Amino acid sequence: MSGIKEFTYQPLTDGMLFGEAPRYHNGLLYVSDMLGCTIYTIDPKSGEKNVLRKVEQQPNGMFFHPDGSLIYSSMFDAKLYRLKDGESTLYSDLSGIMTGYCGDMFIDQKGRVYLDDTGARVLHGETPSPGRLIMVDTDRTAKIVAEDLVFPNALLISKDGKSLFVAETFGAGLSRFDIGPKGELSKRRVFWSPTSLPDFAEKDAAGLMVKIDGGCLDDEGNIWLSMLGYEQFIRLDTDGNINARIKVKGHPTACYLGGDDGKTLFMVINQVPEGENIFAAMMAKKTTSGISTARVDIGTPKI
């Protein structure tokens, strides 16, 4: 991996069970503590955490709507809620079409919500199986827009609104779709696979198979990915080549750009007891989680 930029990181805060879905908005970082059933706001300078919302059925993916409200998921009962002006209201009940859990989320500039359906309730002992992508349109009607995704994760939309990227944590890697005028998805193709890493085979043979979890885009179309089993956040250019990385200790789970100039990468790093399976540790609530930051050279997308 010669010629790849290396960035360093530092801890910001800890004290969570399993962090997910970091989002930066109006000077604050928002993060889901999935196992802790809490959405926090975090001061990006001091690391001070404050409880924003308790979510009994576990929060996961969330994203800010163009109107400024926060749309967040409730995993186990497959519902989306809107938080605005301190009031939380039901946004969409997906329990009739959801086969697994609410996963990562992205909302486009028109207000269409794209959401991962993980396809299996792995925290309830189910074996990973193909999931789908759900789109909740601006009128709040929901439909399936992609199928046969093996544990979809890391949902991203390019700043021109023409491409959607989704990772398959237990599948092919990072796939790319074209987005049509009504939000429909087409022309699915694999954009990048962890198998292209020079040491992927070594990791796999050691029982530490590398998987993609979360991710985010920057202003030049690069994609930051959180690599489970690899202890790195890596950045791909628009051709799928690695051009930067951050080596960490623990399980890279999710990341998001923000800060005053947009060039702070907020990274969720989860810790699992040595030798334990990550899902088993999650079910037993043995995991611990923290947020770290890295200063990078390209900031958040300017739209």
Protein backbone atom coordinates (compact mmCIF):
# COMPACT_ATOMS: atom_id res chain seq x y z
CA MET A 1 0.00 0.00 0.00
CA SER A 2 2.72 2.45 -0.94
CA GLY A 3 1.72 6.05 -1.68
CA ILE A 4 -1.25 5.90 0.65
CA LYS A 5 -1.80 8.79 3.07
CA GLU A 6 -1.72 7.88 6.75
CA PHE A 7 -3.74 9.86 9.27
CA THR A 8 -3.53 9.58 13.05
CA TYR A 9 -6.43 9.57 15.48
CA GLN A 10 -7.23 10.45 19.06
CA PRO A 11 -10.03 9.45 21.45
CA LEU A 12 -12.96 11.83 21.90
CA THR A 13 -15.38 9.98 24.22
CA ASP A 14 -16.41 6.51 25.38
CA GLY A 15 -18.94 4.93 27.74
CA MET A 16 -21.26 3.29 25.19
CA LEU A 17 -22.07 -0.37 24.56
CA PHE A 18 -22.15 -0.40 20.75
CA GLY A 19 -22.01 2.81 18.74
CA GLU A 20 -23.53 3.22 15.27
CA ALA A 21 -24.61 5.83 12.71
CA PRO A 22 -22.61 8.95 13.65
CA ARG A 23 -24.02 12.14 12.10
CA TYR A 24 -22.77 15.73 12.39
CA HIS A 25 -25.32 18.54 12.41
CA ASN A 26 -25.25 22.18 13.55
CA GLY A 27 -22.11 21.84 15.63
CA LEU A 28 -22.97 18.56 17.37
CA LEU A 29 -22.21 14.91 16.73
CA TYR A 30 -25.15 12.52 17.00
CA VAL A 31 -24.61 8.80 17.57
CA SER A 32 -26.76 5.73 18.28
CA ASP A 33 -25.73 3.52 21.17
CA MET A 34 -27.53 0.53 19.74
CA LEU A 35 -27.21 -1.83 22.69
CA GLY A 36 -27.54 1.03 25.17
CA CYS A 37 -30.93 1.97 23.65
CA THR A 38 -29.90 5.64 23.52
CA ILE A 39 -29.22 8.37 20.98
CA TYR A 40 -26.60 10.82 22.23
CA THR A 41 -25.41 14.23 21.20
CA ILE A 42 -21.69 14.77 21.68
CA ASP A 43 -19.73 18.00 21.88
CA PRO A 44 -17.05 17.53 19.18
CA LYS A 45 -14.49 19.51 21.16
CA SER A 46 -14.96 18.32 24.74
CA GLY A 47 -16.46 14.89 24.10
CA GLU A 48 -19.29 15.58 26.56
CA LYS A 49 -22.26 13.26 25.94
CA ASN A 50 -25.90 14.16 26.50
CA VAL A 51 -28.92 11.89 26.14
CA LEU A 52 -31.08 13.03 23.24
CA ARG A 53 -33.54 10.16 23.11
CA LYS A 54 -34.10 6.75 24.67
CA VAL A 55 -35.18 4.12 22.13
CA GLU A 56 -36.46 1.01 23.87
CA GLN A 57 -36.36 -1.19 20.76
CA GLN A 58 -32.78 -0.12 19.99
CA PRO A 59 -31.76 2.73 17.66
CA ASN A 60 -29.55 2.13 14.66
CA GLY A 61 -29.49 4.09 11.41
CA MET A 62 -30.47 7.76 11.41
CA PHE A 63 -30.09 10.78 9.15
CA PHE A 64 -31.09 14.43 8.98
CA HIS A 65 -34.01 15.26 6.69
CA PRO A 66 -33.73 18.33 4.42
CA ASP A 67 -36.25 20.05 6.72
CA GLY A 68 -33.75 19.77 9.60
CA SER A 69 -35.54 17.05 11.55
CA LEU A 70 -33.80 13.86 12.60
CA ILE A 71 -35.21 10.62 11.22
CA TYR A 72 -34.13 7.69 13.38
CA SER A 73 -34.86 3.98 13.39
CA SER A 74 -36.17 1.63 16.04
CA MET A 75 -34.58 -1.69 15.14
CA PHE A 76 -36.63 -4.42 16.74
CA ASP A 77 -40.10 -3.10 15.89
CA ALA A 78 -39.11 -1.82 12.41
CA LYS A 79 -40.30 1.75 12.80
CA LEU A 80 -38.91 5.14 11.82
CA TYR A 81 -39.46 8.22 13.94
CA ARG A 82 -39.06 11.93 13.32
CA LEU A 83 -37.54 14.13 16.04
CA LYS A 84 -38.24 17.82 15.56
CA ASP A 85 -38.34 20.64 18.11
CA GLY A 86 -37.95 18.09 20.90
CA GLU A 87 -41.03 16.08 19.86
CA SER A 88 -40.80 12.54 18.50
CA THR A 89 -43.52 11.25 16.16
CA LEU A 90 -43.94 8.12 14.07
CA TYR A 91 -42.61 8.67 10.55
CA SER A 92 -43.11 5.24 8.96
CA ASP A 93 -44.09 1.78 10.21
CA LEU A 94 -42.10 -0.77 8.19
CA SER A 95 -43.02 -3.84 10.21
CA GLY A 96 -45.14 -5.17 7.34
CA ILE A 97 -42.21 -5.42 4.93
CA MET A 98 -39.08 -5.63 7.11
CA THR A 99 -37.49 -9.10 7.20
CA GLY A 100 -34.55 -8.30 9.48
CA TYR A 101 -33.58 -5.11 11.30
CA CYS A 102 -33.48 -1.46 10.34
CA GLY A 103 -29.85 -0.90 9.36
CA ASP A 104 -28.01 2.12 7.99
CA MET A 105 -29.94 5.06 6.55
CA PHE A 106 -29.43 7.85 4.03
CA ILE A 107 -31.87 10.60 3.06
CA ASP A 108 -31.48 12.26 -0.34
CA GLN A 109 -31.93 15.95 -1.13
CA LYS A 110 -35.61 15.40 -2.00
CA GLY A 111 -36.35 13.80 1.36
CA ARG A 112 -36.51 10.17 0.22
CA VAL A 113 -35.34 7.80 2.95
CA TYR A 114 -33.23 4.80 1.93
CA LEU A 115 -32.85 2.14 4.60
CA ASP A 116 -31.08 -1.21 4.90
CA ASP A 117 -33.21 -4.23 5.77
CA THR A 118 -30.58 -6.59 7.16
CA GLY A 119 -32.55 -9.68 6.07
CA ALA A 120 -32.03 -11.61 9.30
CA ARG A 121 -32.41 -10.93 13.01
CA VAL A 122 -28.85 -11.91 13.87
CA LEU A 123 -29.08 -10.61 17.42
CA HIS A 124 -31.90 -13.07 17.91
CA GLY A 125 -29.79 -16.00 16.70
CA GLU A 126 -30.76 -16.05 13.03
CA THR A 127 -28.11 -16.90 10.41
CA PRO A 128 -27.23 -13.99 8.06
CA SER A 129 -29.38 -14.20 4.92
CA PRO A 130 -30.16 -11.91 1.97
CA GLY A 131 -31.70 -8.56 2.83
CA ARG A 132 -33.05 -5.63 0.83
CA LEU A 133 -33.07 -1.87 0.51
CA ILE A 134 -36.27 -0.05 1.39
CA MET A 135 -37.16 3.43 0.13
CA VAL A 136 -39.65 5.56 2.03
CA ASP A 137 -40.85 8.16 -0.47
CA THR A 138 -41.71 11.76 0.33
CA ASP A 139 -45.36 10.74 0.85
CA ARG A 140 -44.08 8.17 3.40
CA THR A 141 -45.08 5.16 1.35
CA ALA A 142 -42.47 2.40 1.48
CA LYS A 143 -41.31 -0.04 -1.17
CA ILE A 144 -38.45 -2.45 -1.83
CA VAL A 145 -35.93 -0.97 -4.29
CA ALA A 146 -33.20 -3.66 -4.19
CA GLU A 147 -33.05 -7.30 -3.11
CA ASP A 148 -30.55 -10.12 -2.54
CA LEU A 149 -28.08 -8.06 -0.49
CA VAL A 150 -26.27 -10.14 2.11
CA PHE A 151 -26.50 -8.05 5.29
CA PRO A 152 -26.58 -4.56 3.67
CA ASN A 153 -24.61 -1.84 5.42
CA ALA A 154 -22.79 1.48 4.79
CA LEU A 155 -25.49 3.23 2.76
CA LEU A 156 -24.23 6.28 0.81
CA ILE A 157 -25.54 8.58 -1.94
CA SER A 158 -23.24 10.68 -4.14
CA LYS A 159 -23.63 14.45 -3.85
CA ASP A 160 -25.02 14.66 -7.42
CA GLY A 161 -27.77 12.27 -6.32
CA LYS A 162 -27.13 9.89 -9.22
CA SER A 163 -25.42 6.98 -7.46
CA LEU A 164 -26.16 4.90 -4.37
CA PHE A 165 -23.49 2.76 -2.72
CA VAL A 166 -24.27 -0.07 -0.33
CA ALA A 167 -21.97 -2.57 1.36
CA GLU A 168 -22.77 -6.23 1.86
CA THR A 169 -21.08 -7.07 5.14
CA PHE A 170 -21.28 -10.79 4.41
CA GLY A 171 -21.42 -10.51 0.63
CA ALA A 172 -19.64 -9.16 -2.43
CA GLY A 173 -18.31 -5.94 -0.92
CA LEU A 174 -19.36 -2.42 -1.97
CA SER A 175 -21.96 -2.23 -4.74
CA ARG A 176 -23.09 0.75 -6.77
CA PHE A 177 -26.54 1.50 -8.20
CA ASP A 178 -27.81 4.20 -10.52
CA ILE A 179 -30.66 6.26 -9.03
CA GLY A 180 -33.57 7.05 -11.34
CA PRO A 181 -35.82 10.14 -11.34
CA LYS A 182 -38.33 8.53 -8.97
CA GLY A 183 -35.69 7.12 -6.65
CA GLU A 184 -35.63 3.69 -8.27
CA LEU A 185 -32.34 1.77 -8.39
CA SER A 186 -30.81 0.05 -11.43
CA LYS A 187 -27.55 -1.21 -12.97
CA ARG A 188 -26.16 -2.86 -9.89
CA ARG A 189 -22.42 -3.58 -10.07
CA VAL A 190 -19.62 -4.30 -7.61
CA PHE A 191 -17.54 -1.16 -7.04
CA TRP A 192 -14.96 -2.58 -4.62
CA SER A 193 -14.30 -5.77 -2.70
CA PRO A 194 -12.16 -6.39 0.41
CA THR A 195 -10.63 -9.34 -1.49
CA SER A 196 -8.51 -6.77 -3.35
CA LEU A 197 -6.61 -6.00 -0.14
CA PRO A 198 -3.09 -7.46 -0.40
CA ASP A 199 -3.37 -9.23 2.98
CA PHE A 200 -7.02 -10.29 2.75
CA ALA A 201 -6.21 -14.01 2.42
CA GLU A 202 -3.96 -13.93 5.49
CA LYS A 203 -6.67 -12.29 7.56
CA ASP A 204 -9.30 -14.73 6.32
CA ALA A 205 -7.13 -17.77 7.07
CA ALA A 206 -6.64 -16.46 10.61
CA GLY A 207 -10.39 -16.36 11.13
CA LEU A 208 -10.55 -12.57 10.96
CA MET A 209 -12.36 -12.21 7.67
CA VAL A 210 -12.42 -8.57 6.62
CA LYS A 211 -15.90 -7.05 6.28
CA ILE A 212 -17.27 -3.59 5.48
CA ASP A 213 -19.47 -2.01 8.14
CA GLY A 214 -20.14 1.75 7.92
CA GLY A 215 -18.89 4.50 5.62
CA CYS A 216 -19.23 8.06 4.35
CA LEU A 217 -18.41 10.18 1.30
CA ASP A 218 -16.22 13.29 1.09
CA ASP A 219 -16.39 16.35 -1.16
CA GLU A 220 -14.27 14.77 -3.92
CA GLY A 221 -16.29 11.57 -4.09
CA ASN A 222 -13.87 9.50 -2.05
CA ILE A 223 -15.44 6.89 0.21
CA TRP A 224 -14.32 6.24 3.78
CA LEU A 225 -15.06 2.67 4.88
CA SER A 226 -14.99 1.09 8.34
CA MET A 227 -13.33 -2.31 7.99
CA LEU A 228 -14.29 -4.92 10.58
CA GLY A 229 -11.56 -7.49 11.21
CA TYR A 230 -8.93 -5.18 9.72
CA GLU A 231 -8.48 -2.48 12.37
CA GLN A 232 -8.45 0.22 9.74
CA PHE A 233 -10.62 2.92 8.26
CA ILE A 234 -9.69 3.13 4.57
CA ARG A 235 -10.52 5.69 1.89
CA LEU A 236 -11.28 4.73 -1.71
CA ASP A 237 -10.96 7.12 -4.64
CA THR A 238 -13.55 7.31 -7.42
CA ASP A 239 -11.85 4.39 -9.21
CA GLY A 240 -11.91 2.16 -6.12
CA ASN A 241 -8.22 2.55 -5.23
CA ILE A 242 -7.17 3.01 -1.60
CA ASN A 243 -5.63 6.46 -1.16
CA ALA A 244 -5.72 6.93 2.64
CA ARG A 245 -6.10 4.95 5.84
CA ILE A 246 -6.25 5.24 9.62
CA LYS A 247 -4.97 2.34 11.70
CA VAL A 248 -6.88 1.83 14.96
CA LYS A 249 -7.21 -0.66 17.79
CA GLY A 250 -10.60 -2.36 17.83
CA HIS A 251 -13.48 -2.92 15.42
CA PRO A 252 -14.04 0.02 13.03
CA THR A 253 -17.83 0.22 12.82
CA ALA A 254 -18.93 3.58 11.41
CA CYS A 255 -17.60 7.01 10.43
CA TYR A 256 -18.79 10.45 9.37
CA LEU A 257 -17.17 13.75 8.36
CA GLY A 258 -17.95 16.98 10.19
CA GLY A 259 -16.51 19.64 12.43
CA ASP A 260 -16.17 23.37 11.83
CA ASP A 261 -14.46 22.90 8.46
CA GLY A 262 -15.86 19.46 7.64
CA LYS A 263 -12.43 17.83 7.83
CA THR A 264 -12.82 15.90 11.07
CA LEU A 265 -13.55 12.23 10.60
CA PHE A 266 -15.60 10.94 13.54
CA MET A 267 -14.97 7.22 13.98
CA VAL A 268 -16.95 4.69 16.00
CA ILE A 269 -14.64 1.95 17.31
CA ASN A 270 -16.17 -0.97 19.16
CA GLN A 271 -14.24 -3.35 21.40
CA VAL A 272 -14.99 -7.06 21.71
CA PRO A 273 -13.46 -9.39 24.32
CA GLU A 274 -10.52 -11.26 22.82
CA GLY A 275 -11.48 -14.48 21.10
CA GLU A 276 -15.23 -13.82 21.14
CA ASN A 277 -17.53 -13.60 18.13
CA ILE A 278 -18.75 -10.05 17.65
CA PHE A 279 -22.45 -10.99 17.43
CA ALA A 280 -22.24 -13.28 20.47
CA ALA A 281 -20.53 -10.50 22.41
CA MET A 282 -23.23 -8.05 21.34
CA MET A 283 -26.03 -10.37 22.46
CA ALA A 284 -24.30 -10.76 25.83
CA LYS A 285 -23.69 -6.99 26.01
CA LYS A 286 -19.97 -7.54 26.51
CA THR A 287 -18.93 -4.94 23.94
CA THR A 288 -17.72 -1.42 24.72
CA SER A 289 -17.65 1.54 22.38
CA GLY A 290 -16.02 4.92 21.92
CA ILE A 291 -15.68 7.76 19.42
CA SER A 292 -12.33 8.89 18.07
CA THR A 293 -11.41 11.66 15.64
CA ALA A 294 -8.89 12.16 12.85
CA ARG A 295 -8.05 15.33 10.97
CA VAL A 296 -8.13 14.59 7.22
CA ASP A 297 -7.39 16.58 4.08
CA ILE A 298 -10.78 16.51 2.31
CA GLY A 299 -14.00 17.55 4.00
CA THR A 300 -17.68 16.74 3.94
CA PRO A 301 -19.59 17.05 0.64
CA LYS A 302 -20.68 20.61 -0.16
CA ILE A 303 -24.08 20.59 -1.82
